[in-house]
Structure formats: structure tokens, C-alpha cells
N, C-alpha and C. Protein backbone atom coordinates (compact mmCIF):
# COMPACT_ATOMS: atom_id res chain seq x y z
N UNK A 1 154.61 199.62 60.93
CA UNK A 1 153.26 199.57 61.46
C UNK A 1 152.77 198.13 61.38
N UNK A 2 152.15 197.67 62.46
CA UNK A 2 151.65 196.31 62.49
C UNK A 2 150.18 196.27 62.09
N UNK A 3 149.79 195.11 61.56
CA UNK A 3 148.39 194.98 61.16
C UNK A 3 147.51 194.44 62.28
N UNK A 4 148.10 193.83 63.25
CA UNK A 4 147.31 193.19 64.32
C UNK A 4 147.73 193.74 65.67
N UNK A 5 146.80 193.73 66.62
CA UNK A 5 147.11 194.18 67.97
C UNK A 5 147.96 193.15 68.68
N UNK A 6 148.76 193.63 69.59
CA UNK A 6 149.59 192.71 70.37
C UNK A 6 148.71 191.91 71.31
N UNK A 7 149.09 190.67 71.57
CA UNK A 7 148.30 189.87 72.51
C UNK A 7 148.35 190.51 73.90
N UNK A 8 147.23 190.37 74.62
CA UNK A 8 147.14 190.94 75.96
C UNK A 8 148.09 190.19 76.89
N UNK A 9 148.63 190.93 77.84
CA UNK A 9 149.53 190.32 78.82
C UNK A 9 148.73 189.41 79.74
N UNK A 10 149.39 188.44 80.39
CA UNK A 10 148.67 187.55 81.32
C UNK A 10 147.95 188.34 82.42
N UNK A 11 148.55 189.42 82.88
CA UNK A 11 147.92 190.23 83.93
C UNK A 11 146.64 190.88 83.40
N UNK A 12 146.71 191.40 82.18
CA UNK A 12 145.53 192.05 81.59
C UNK A 12 144.43 191.04 81.33
N UNK A 13 144.77 189.83 80.87
CA UNK A 13 143.76 188.79 80.64
C UNK A 13 143.08 188.40 81.95
N UNK A 14 143.84 188.34 83.03
CA UNK A 14 143.24 188.00 84.33
C UNK A 14 142.22 189.06 84.74
N UNK A 15 142.60 190.34 84.57
CA UNK A 15 141.67 191.42 84.91
C UNK A 15 140.42 191.38 84.04
N UNK A 16 140.59 191.13 82.75
CA UNK A 16 139.43 191.04 81.85
C UNK A 16 138.53 189.88 82.26
N UNK A 17 139.14 188.75 82.60
CA UNK A 17 138.37 187.59 83.05
C UNK A 17 137.63 187.88 84.35
N UNK A 18 138.30 188.56 85.27
CA UNK A 18 137.68 188.91 86.55
C UNK A 18 136.50 189.86 86.33
N UNK A 19 136.69 190.85 85.48
CA UNK A 19 135.60 191.80 85.18
C UNK A 19 134.42 191.07 84.54
N UNK A 20 134.69 190.16 83.62
CA UNK A 20 133.63 189.39 82.97
C UNK A 20 132.87 188.55 84.00
N UNK A 21 133.58 187.94 84.95
CA UNK A 21 132.92 187.14 85.99
C UNK A 21 132.06 188.01 86.89
N UNK A 22 132.56 189.18 87.26
CA UNK A 22 131.78 190.09 88.12
C UNK A 22 130.51 190.54 87.40
N UNK A 23 130.63 190.92 86.14
CA UNK A 23 129.46 191.36 85.37
C UNK A 23 128.46 190.21 85.25
N UNK A 24 128.93 189.01 84.92
CA UNK A 24 128.03 187.85 84.81
C UNK A 24 127.36 187.56 86.15
N UNK A 25 128.10 187.67 87.24
CA UNK A 25 127.53 187.44 88.57
C UNK A 25 126.46 188.47 88.91
N UNK A 26 126.73 189.73 88.59
CA UNK A 26 125.74 190.77 88.84
C UNK A 26 124.47 190.55 88.03
N UNK A 27 124.63 190.15 86.77
CA UNK A 27 123.46 189.87 85.94
C UNK A 27 122.65 188.71 86.51
N UNK A 28 123.33 187.65 86.95
CA UNK A 28 122.61 186.52 87.55
C UNK A 28 121.90 186.93 88.81
N UNK A 29 122.56 187.72 89.63
CA UNK A 29 121.94 188.20 90.87
C UNK A 29 120.71 189.05 90.56
N UNK A 30 120.82 189.92 89.58
CA UNK A 30 119.70 190.76 89.19
C UNK A 30 118.55 189.92 88.68
N UNK A 31 118.81 188.96 87.81
CA UNK A 31 117.76 188.11 87.27
C UNK A 31 117.14 187.23 88.34
N UNK A 32 117.94 186.73 89.26
CA UNK A 32 117.41 185.85 90.32
C UNK A 32 116.56 186.61 91.31
N UNK A 33 116.86 187.89 91.53
CA UNK A 33 116.10 188.65 92.52
C UNK A 33 114.89 189.35 91.91
N UNK A 34 114.74 189.30 90.59
CA UNK A 34 113.60 189.94 89.95
C UNK A 34 112.46 188.96 89.85
N UNK A 35 111.30 189.24 90.46
CA UNK A 35 110.17 188.32 90.33
C UNK A 35 109.76 188.16 88.87
N UNK A 36 109.32 186.97 88.54
CA UNK A 36 108.94 186.67 87.17
C UNK A 36 107.80 187.57 86.72
N UNK A 37 106.89 187.87 87.62
CA UNK A 37 105.69 188.59 87.24
C UNK A 37 105.61 189.96 87.91
N UNK A 38 106.75 190.54 88.19
CA UNK A 38 106.74 191.84 88.84
C UNK A 38 106.03 192.85 87.94
N UNK A 39 105.04 193.49 88.48
CA UNK A 39 104.27 194.45 87.70
C UNK A 39 104.02 195.68 88.55
N UNK A 40 104.45 196.81 88.06
CA UNK A 40 104.12 198.06 88.71
C UNK A 40 102.65 198.34 88.40
N UNK A 41 101.85 198.71 89.40
CA UNK A 41 100.45 199.01 89.11
C UNK A 41 100.34 200.11 88.06
N UNK A 42 99.39 199.93 87.17
CA UNK A 42 99.13 200.91 86.12
C UNK A 42 97.73 201.47 86.34
N UNK A 43 97.56 202.78 86.16
CA UNK A 43 96.30 203.44 86.49
C UNK A 43 95.84 204.33 85.34
N UNK A 44 94.53 204.25 85.06
CA UNK A 44 93.91 205.10 84.05
C UNK A 44 92.60 205.65 84.62
N UNK A 45 92.12 206.74 84.07
CA UNK A 45 90.83 207.30 84.43
C UNK A 45 89.98 207.37 83.17
N UNK A 46 88.74 206.86 83.28
CA UNK A 46 87.81 206.85 82.15
C UNK A 46 86.42 207.25 82.64
N UNK A 47 85.62 207.87 81.78
CA UNK A 47 84.22 208.13 82.15
C UNK A 47 83.35 206.94 81.74
N UNK A 48 82.23 206.76 82.44
CA UNK A 48 81.26 205.76 81.99
C UNK A 48 80.26 206.43 81.06
N UNK A 49 79.21 205.70 80.67
CA UNK A 49 78.24 206.23 79.71
C UNK A 49 77.48 207.44 80.26
N UNK A 50 77.47 207.62 81.60
CA UNK A 50 76.79 208.76 82.21
C UNK A 50 77.77 209.90 82.52
N UNK A 51 79.03 209.73 82.14
CA UNK A 51 80.03 210.76 82.39
C UNK A 51 80.68 210.70 83.76
N UNK A 52 80.34 209.70 84.58
CA UNK A 52 80.96 209.57 85.90
C UNK A 52 82.40 209.08 85.74
N UNK A 53 83.34 209.63 86.52
CA UNK A 53 84.74 209.21 86.41
C UNK A 53 85.00 207.88 87.12
N UNK A 54 85.80 207.04 86.47
CA UNK A 54 86.21 205.75 87.01
C UNK A 54 87.72 205.65 86.93
N UNK A 55 88.31 204.97 87.89
CA UNK A 55 89.72 204.64 87.76
C UNK A 55 89.81 203.14 87.49
N UNK A 56 90.75 202.81 86.64
CA UNK A 56 91.03 201.41 86.30
C UNK A 56 92.48 201.17 86.68
N UNK A 57 92.72 200.15 87.48
CA UNK A 57 94.07 199.82 87.91
C UNK A 57 94.38 198.39 87.54
N UNK A 58 95.51 198.19 86.87
CA UNK A 58 96.02 196.86 86.58
C UNK A 58 97.13 196.61 87.58
N UNK A 59 97.01 195.55 88.37
CA UNK A 59 97.96 195.30 89.43
C UNK A 59 98.16 193.81 89.64
N UNK A 60 99.17 193.50 90.39
CA UNK A 60 99.45 192.12 90.76
C UNK A 60 98.95 191.89 92.18
N UNK A 61 98.24 190.78 92.40
CA UNK A 61 97.76 190.44 93.74
C UNK A 61 98.96 189.98 94.56
N UNK A 62 99.31 190.74 95.56
CA UNK A 62 100.50 190.44 96.35
C UNK A 62 100.19 189.91 97.74
N UNK A 63 98.93 189.97 98.17
CA UNK A 63 98.56 189.51 99.51
C UNK A 63 98.63 187.99 99.56
N UNK A 64 99.50 187.42 100.40
CA UNK A 64 99.63 185.96 100.45
C UNK A 64 98.38 185.23 100.94
N UNK A 65 97.42 185.97 101.50
CA UNK A 65 96.17 185.35 101.95
C UNK A 65 95.27 184.97 100.77
N UNK A 66 95.58 185.47 99.58
CA UNK A 66 94.76 185.23 98.39
C UNK A 66 95.61 184.65 97.27
N UNK A 67 94.98 184.01 96.29
CA UNK A 67 95.75 183.49 95.15
C UNK A 67 96.45 184.63 94.41
N UNK A 68 97.65 184.37 93.94
CA UNK A 68 98.39 185.38 93.19
C UNK A 68 97.83 185.55 91.80
N UNK A 69 98.36 186.50 91.08
CA UNK A 69 97.95 186.74 89.70
C UNK A 69 97.64 188.21 89.46
N UNK A 70 97.31 188.49 88.22
CA UNK A 70 97.00 189.86 87.83
C UNK A 70 95.53 190.17 88.07
N UNK A 71 95.27 191.40 88.49
CA UNK A 71 93.91 191.85 88.79
C UNK A 71 93.63 193.17 88.08
N UNK A 72 92.35 193.36 87.81
CA UNK A 72 91.86 194.62 87.27
C UNK A 72 90.92 195.19 88.33
N UNK A 73 91.26 196.37 88.84
CA UNK A 73 90.45 197.01 89.88
C UNK A 73 89.74 198.21 89.25
N UNK A 74 88.43 198.29 89.50
CA UNK A 74 87.60 199.39 88.97
C UNK A 74 86.99 200.14 90.14
N UNK A 75 87.12 201.46 90.10
CA UNK A 75 86.60 202.30 91.18
C UNK A 75 85.78 203.44 90.59
N UNK A 76 84.53 203.56 91.08
CA UNK A 76 83.67 204.68 90.71
C UNK A 76 84.11 205.88 91.54
N UNK A 77 84.74 206.85 90.89
CA UNK A 77 85.28 208.02 91.58
C UNK A 77 84.21 209.06 91.91
N UNK A 78 83.01 208.90 91.37
CA UNK A 78 81.95 209.87 91.68
C UNK A 78 81.39 209.63 93.08
N UNK A 79 81.61 208.43 93.61
CA UNK A 79 81.08 208.10 94.94
C UNK A 79 79.60 207.79 94.94
N UNK A 80 78.96 207.81 93.78
CA UNK A 80 77.51 207.57 93.71
C UNK A 80 77.17 206.11 93.42
N UNK A 81 78.09 205.40 92.80
CA UNK A 81 77.79 204.02 92.40
C UNK A 81 78.10 203.01 93.48
N UNK A 82 77.25 202.00 93.56
CA UNK A 82 77.52 200.86 94.42
C UNK A 82 77.68 199.66 93.51
N UNK A 83 78.83 199.01 93.60
CA UNK A 83 79.13 197.90 92.71
C UNK A 83 78.63 196.58 93.27
N UNK A 84 78.33 195.66 92.38
CA UNK A 84 77.87 194.32 92.75
C UNK A 84 79.10 193.42 92.83
N UNK A 85 79.45 193.02 94.05
CA UNK A 85 80.66 192.22 94.26
C UNK A 85 80.46 190.73 93.96
N UNK A 86 79.26 190.35 93.55
CA UNK A 86 79.01 188.94 93.27
C UNK A 86 79.02 188.62 91.77
N UNK A 87 79.05 189.65 90.94
CA UNK A 87 78.95 189.46 89.49
C UNK A 87 80.31 189.61 88.80
N UNK A 88 80.52 188.89 87.69
CA UNK A 88 81.76 189.04 86.94
C UNK A 88 81.77 190.33 86.11
N UNK A 89 82.95 190.69 85.66
CA UNK A 89 83.11 191.81 84.73
C UNK A 89 83.06 191.23 83.32
N UNK A 90 82.26 191.85 82.48
CA UNK A 90 82.17 191.40 81.08
C UNK A 90 82.85 192.42 80.18
N UNK A 91 83.66 191.91 79.26
CA UNK A 91 84.35 192.76 78.30
C UNK A 91 83.98 192.29 76.91
N UNK A 92 83.89 193.21 75.97
CA UNK A 92 83.69 192.82 74.58
C UNK A 92 84.30 193.85 73.64
N UNK A 93 84.69 193.36 72.45
CA UNK A 93 85.27 194.26 71.46
C UNK A 93 84.37 194.33 70.23
N UNK A 94 84.75 195.11 69.25
CA UNK A 94 83.93 195.35 68.07
C UNK A 94 83.83 194.15 67.14
N UNK A 95 84.72 193.18 67.28
CA UNK A 95 84.70 192.00 66.41
C UNK A 95 84.08 190.78 67.08
N UNK A 96 83.35 190.98 68.16
CA UNK A 96 82.66 189.87 68.82
C UNK A 96 83.46 189.14 69.87
N UNK A 97 84.67 189.60 70.16
CA UNK A 97 85.44 188.99 71.25
C UNK A 97 84.78 189.30 72.58
N UNK A 98 84.61 188.29 73.41
CA UNK A 98 84.00 188.50 74.72
C UNK A 98 84.83 187.78 75.79
N UNK A 99 84.84 188.37 76.95
CA UNK A 99 85.54 187.81 78.09
C UNK A 99 84.70 188.03 79.33
N UNK A 100 84.82 187.13 80.28
CA UNK A 100 84.14 187.26 81.57
C UNK A 100 85.19 187.02 82.65
N UNK A 101 85.38 188.02 83.49
CA UNK A 101 86.40 187.95 84.53
C UNK A 101 85.75 187.75 85.90
N UNK A 102 86.25 186.79 86.64
CA UNK A 102 85.73 186.45 87.96
C UNK A 102 85.93 187.62 88.93
N UNK A 103 84.89 187.91 89.69
CA UNK A 103 84.94 188.97 90.69
C UNK A 103 85.77 188.50 91.88
N UNK A 104 86.78 189.24 92.23
CA UNK A 104 87.65 188.94 93.37
C UNK A 104 87.63 190.11 94.37
N UNK A 105 86.46 190.70 94.56
CA UNK A 105 86.36 191.86 95.45
C UNK A 105 86.65 191.51 96.90
N UNK A 106 86.57 190.23 97.26
CA UNK A 106 86.92 189.84 98.63
C UNK A 106 88.38 190.15 98.93
N UNK A 107 89.20 190.28 97.89
CA UNK A 107 90.62 190.59 98.08
C UNK A 107 90.87 192.05 98.44
N UNK A 108 89.84 192.86 98.41
CA UNK A 108 89.99 194.28 98.73
C UNK A 108 90.06 194.53 100.23
N UNK A 109 89.74 193.51 101.02
CA UNK A 109 89.77 193.63 102.48
C UNK A 109 90.60 192.49 103.06
N UNK A 110 90.94 192.58 104.31
CA UNK A 110 91.70 191.52 104.96
C UNK A 110 90.90 190.22 104.94
N UNK A 111 91.61 189.12 104.84
CA UNK A 111 90.97 187.80 104.81
C UNK A 111 90.02 187.65 105.99
N UNK A 112 88.81 187.19 105.72
CA UNK A 112 87.81 186.98 106.75
C UNK A 112 86.85 188.14 106.94
N UNK A 113 87.21 189.33 106.47
CA UNK A 113 86.31 190.47 106.60
C UNK A 113 85.23 190.41 105.53
N UNK A 114 84.05 190.85 105.86
CA UNK A 114 82.93 190.81 104.92
C UNK A 114 82.69 192.14 104.22
N UNK A 115 82.86 193.26 104.94
CA UNK A 115 82.55 194.58 104.37
C UNK A 115 83.55 194.93 103.28
N UNK A 116 83.02 195.19 102.10
CA UNK A 116 83.86 195.56 100.96
C UNK A 116 83.53 197.00 100.57
N UNK A 117 84.48 197.71 99.97
CA UNK A 117 84.17 199.07 99.54
C UNK A 117 83.03 199.06 98.53
N UNK A 118 82.06 199.93 98.71
CA UNK A 118 80.89 199.92 97.83
C UNK A 118 81.20 200.43 96.43
N UNK A 119 82.25 201.25 96.28
CA UNK A 119 82.52 201.85 94.98
C UNK A 119 83.70 201.20 94.23
N UNK A 120 84.21 200.07 94.73
CA UNK A 120 85.36 199.42 94.10
C UNK A 120 85.13 197.92 93.99
N UNK A 121 85.49 197.37 92.83
CA UNK A 121 85.48 195.92 92.61
C UNK A 121 86.81 195.53 91.98
N UNK A 122 87.15 194.27 92.16
CA UNK A 122 88.41 193.76 91.63
C UNK A 122 88.14 192.44 90.91
N UNK A 123 88.83 192.23 89.77
CA UNK A 123 88.57 191.08 88.92
C UNK A 123 89.86 190.37 88.54
N UNK A 124 89.76 189.05 88.42
CA UNK A 124 90.91 188.20 88.10
C UNK A 124 91.12 188.18 86.59
N UNK A 125 92.34 188.37 86.15
CA UNK A 125 92.64 188.38 84.71
C UNK A 125 93.01 187.01 84.16
N UNK A 126 92.91 185.96 84.96
CA UNK A 126 93.29 184.62 84.51
C UNK A 126 92.47 184.18 83.29
N UNK A 127 91.23 184.63 83.18
CA UNK A 127 90.38 184.21 82.06
C UNK A 127 90.43 185.16 80.87
N UNK A 128 91.42 186.00 80.81
CA UNK A 128 91.55 186.93 79.69
C UNK A 128 92.28 186.21 78.54
N UNK A 129 91.63 185.17 78.04
CA UNK A 129 92.17 184.36 76.94
C UNK A 129 91.11 184.16 75.89
N UNK A 130 91.44 184.24 74.63
CA UNK A 130 92.74 184.73 74.17
C UNK A 130 92.88 186.20 74.52
N UNK A 131 94.09 186.64 74.50
CA UNK A 131 94.39 188.03 74.83
C UNK A 131 93.62 188.97 73.89
N UNK A 132 93.00 190.04 74.41
CA UNK A 132 92.28 190.95 73.51
C UNK A 132 93.24 191.60 72.53
N UNK A 133 92.73 191.90 71.37
CA UNK A 133 93.55 192.54 70.33
C UNK A 133 93.91 193.94 70.79
N UNK A 134 95.18 194.26 70.73
CA UNK A 134 95.69 195.52 71.26
C UNK A 134 95.15 196.75 70.52
N UNK A 135 94.73 196.56 69.27
CA UNK A 135 94.31 197.71 68.47
C UNK A 135 92.82 198.02 68.56
N UNK A 136 92.05 197.20 69.27
CA UNK A 136 90.60 197.42 69.35
C UNK A 136 90.18 197.94 70.72
N UNK A 137 89.31 198.93 70.76
CA UNK A 137 88.78 199.36 72.06
C UNK A 137 87.97 198.23 72.70
N UNK A 138 87.89 198.25 73.99
CA UNK A 138 87.10 197.27 74.74
C UNK A 138 86.02 197.98 75.52
N UNK A 139 84.84 197.38 75.56
CA UNK A 139 83.78 197.87 76.42
C UNK A 139 83.79 197.02 77.68
N UNK A 140 83.87 197.67 78.83
CA UNK A 140 83.84 197.00 80.12
C UNK A 140 82.46 197.22 80.71
N UNK A 141 81.74 196.14 80.95
CA UNK A 141 80.40 196.22 81.55
C UNK A 141 80.54 195.92 83.04
N UNK A 142 80.49 196.98 83.84
CA UNK A 142 80.71 196.87 85.28
C UNK A 142 79.37 196.67 85.98
N UNK A 143 79.20 195.54 86.69
CA UNK A 143 77.92 195.28 87.36
C UNK A 143 77.73 196.17 88.59
N UNK A 144 76.55 196.79 88.66
CA UNK A 144 76.20 197.65 89.79
C UNK A 144 75.21 196.94 90.70
N UNK A 145 75.18 197.32 91.96
CA UNK A 145 74.28 196.70 92.93
C UNK A 145 72.81 196.90 92.54
N UNK A 146 72.49 197.94 91.79
CA UNK A 146 71.12 198.22 91.37
C UNK A 146 70.64 197.26 90.27
N UNK A 147 71.57 196.45 89.74
CA UNK A 147 71.23 195.56 88.64
C UNK A 147 71.57 196.17 87.29
N UNK A 148 71.87 197.45 87.29
CA UNK A 148 72.28 198.13 86.06
C UNK A 148 73.75 197.85 85.80
N UNK A 149 74.23 198.33 84.66
CA UNK A 149 75.62 198.13 84.27
C UNK A 149 76.22 199.47 83.88
N UNK A 150 77.38 199.77 84.42
CA UNK A 150 78.13 200.95 83.98
C UNK A 150 79.04 200.49 82.85
N UNK A 151 79.01 201.22 81.75
CA UNK A 151 79.85 200.85 80.61
C UNK A 151 80.99 201.84 80.45
N UNK A 152 82.20 201.29 80.38
CA UNK A 152 83.40 202.08 80.16
C UNK A 152 84.01 201.62 78.85
N UNK A 153 84.48 202.56 78.06
CA UNK A 153 85.16 202.20 76.82
C UNK A 153 86.65 202.43 77.03
N UNK A 154 87.39 201.33 77.04
CA UNK A 154 88.83 201.38 77.26
C UNK A 154 89.54 201.58 75.93
N UNK A 155 90.37 202.60 75.88
CA UNK A 155 91.10 202.91 74.66
C UNK A 155 92.46 202.25 74.61
N UNK A 156 93.32 202.80 73.78
CA UNK A 156 94.59 202.18 73.41
C UNK A 156 95.49 201.81 74.59
N UNK A 157 95.71 202.71 75.53
CA UNK A 157 96.63 202.42 76.63
C UNK A 157 96.16 201.27 77.50
N UNK A 158 94.88 201.29 77.87
CA UNK A 158 94.32 200.23 78.70
C UNK A 158 94.34 198.91 77.95
N UNK A 159 93.89 198.93 76.70
CA UNK A 159 93.79 197.70 75.92
C UNK A 159 95.17 197.10 75.67
N UNK A 160 96.16 197.93 75.38
CA UNK A 160 97.52 197.41 75.17
C UNK A 160 98.03 196.73 76.44
N UNK A 161 97.77 197.33 77.61
CA UNK A 161 98.21 196.73 78.87
C UNK A 161 97.46 195.42 79.13
N UNK A 162 96.17 195.37 78.84
CA UNK A 162 95.42 194.13 79.01
C UNK A 162 95.88 193.07 78.01
N UNK A 163 96.21 193.50 76.80
CA UNK A 163 96.72 192.57 75.80
C UNK A 163 98.01 191.91 76.32
N UNK A 164 98.91 192.71 76.84
CA UNK A 164 100.16 192.15 77.39
C UNK A 164 99.88 191.27 78.60
N UNK A 165 98.95 191.69 79.46
CA UNK A 165 98.61 190.91 80.65
C UNK A 165 97.97 189.58 80.29
N UNK A 166 97.25 189.54 79.17
CA UNK A 166 96.57 188.32 78.76
C UNK A 166 97.47 187.32 78.08
N UNK A 167 98.68 187.72 77.74
CA UNK A 167 99.60 186.79 77.09
C UNK A 167 100.10 185.78 78.12
N UNK A 168 100.28 184.52 77.72
CA UNK A 168 100.67 183.47 78.67
C UNK A 168 101.93 183.78 79.46
N UNK A 169 102.96 184.41 78.87
CA UNK A 169 104.20 184.67 79.61
C UNK A 169 104.02 185.74 80.67
N UNK A 170 102.94 186.51 80.61
CA UNK A 170 102.72 187.57 81.59
C UNK A 170 102.16 187.02 82.90
N UNK A 171 101.78 185.76 82.90
CA UNK A 171 101.17 185.20 84.10
C UNK A 171 102.17 184.49 84.88
């Protein structure tokens, strides 16, 4: 009985080398074709302080007519609210962390169009620095056309996604 395996034949070494090259090539192809910031849209539903349902979507701006980057889209699902497309979204946590996100509701329609959906606004996540703490709920103060604010409390799933989105490598 031998203690060591026999050396591979030249033919077997060639096949192993060829397989290694093919695998390395496939990995490079996969990495090269994967966008750095590819993000599948993520969707949550939350009530506001009045119990009205809202959807929150975290997505990547893909329309080449607008600047790229991550966006947070808020939609009043009750159909009763009219959002203010000129005001930023304000977020705050229990430890005094505050953020203000620029309103990018113009991106909800084709470039040059003025009419925006009355129940949906979209915000740029570029100013989500420092990243919110993943373990703390966030209050989202959504500006309404009436001058009032709809408040949504984002829990663990939303906050964890925003935490990851706010990290520098996510941009």
C-alpha cells in the first residue's frame, strides 16, 4: 500500500487545467456582466399615523434621462393623500439621528412632463449618511400637499435595507 497518490498523467493535468480556465473565465464573465449596483426593487407596506396604507419601495433609478442612484418611493395606497413634490423626506430615529432626502418626484414621469402622480413621491438616497442604525426604527415624515405630514414608522426590514443602501459600497 502506498502512502501518496500517484502523480496525474499529462493528459489528466491538461484536462484539469482546461476545466480551471473555463471556470475562471465563466466567473470573470459573470462578474463583468453584473452591474455594480444591481438592486432588485424591494417593497413594504406600512400604515401611517391615521391608519392609511402606504407602500415603500427601495429601487435603483434606471432611466438614463435622470441621474442614477438609489431611490425611495412612497405611495399612499388609500388614494386620499396628495403628496407635496417640492418638499424633502425627513427621517429620524430614537437617538436623534436625522436625515433629509431630496425629492426626485420628477423622475416618476417621462423627462419634460410636468404632471406627477398625486399619491406617489420619490426621494434620492444619496444623502442617507451616515447610514441609519439597522436596529432602530425610523420615522418617515412624508410631506403632503395640504402642508401636513404623514408619519410612517419603518421597522426592521425597511431599516435594514436602508442601512445597507446608505453604506458607501452600495452606491
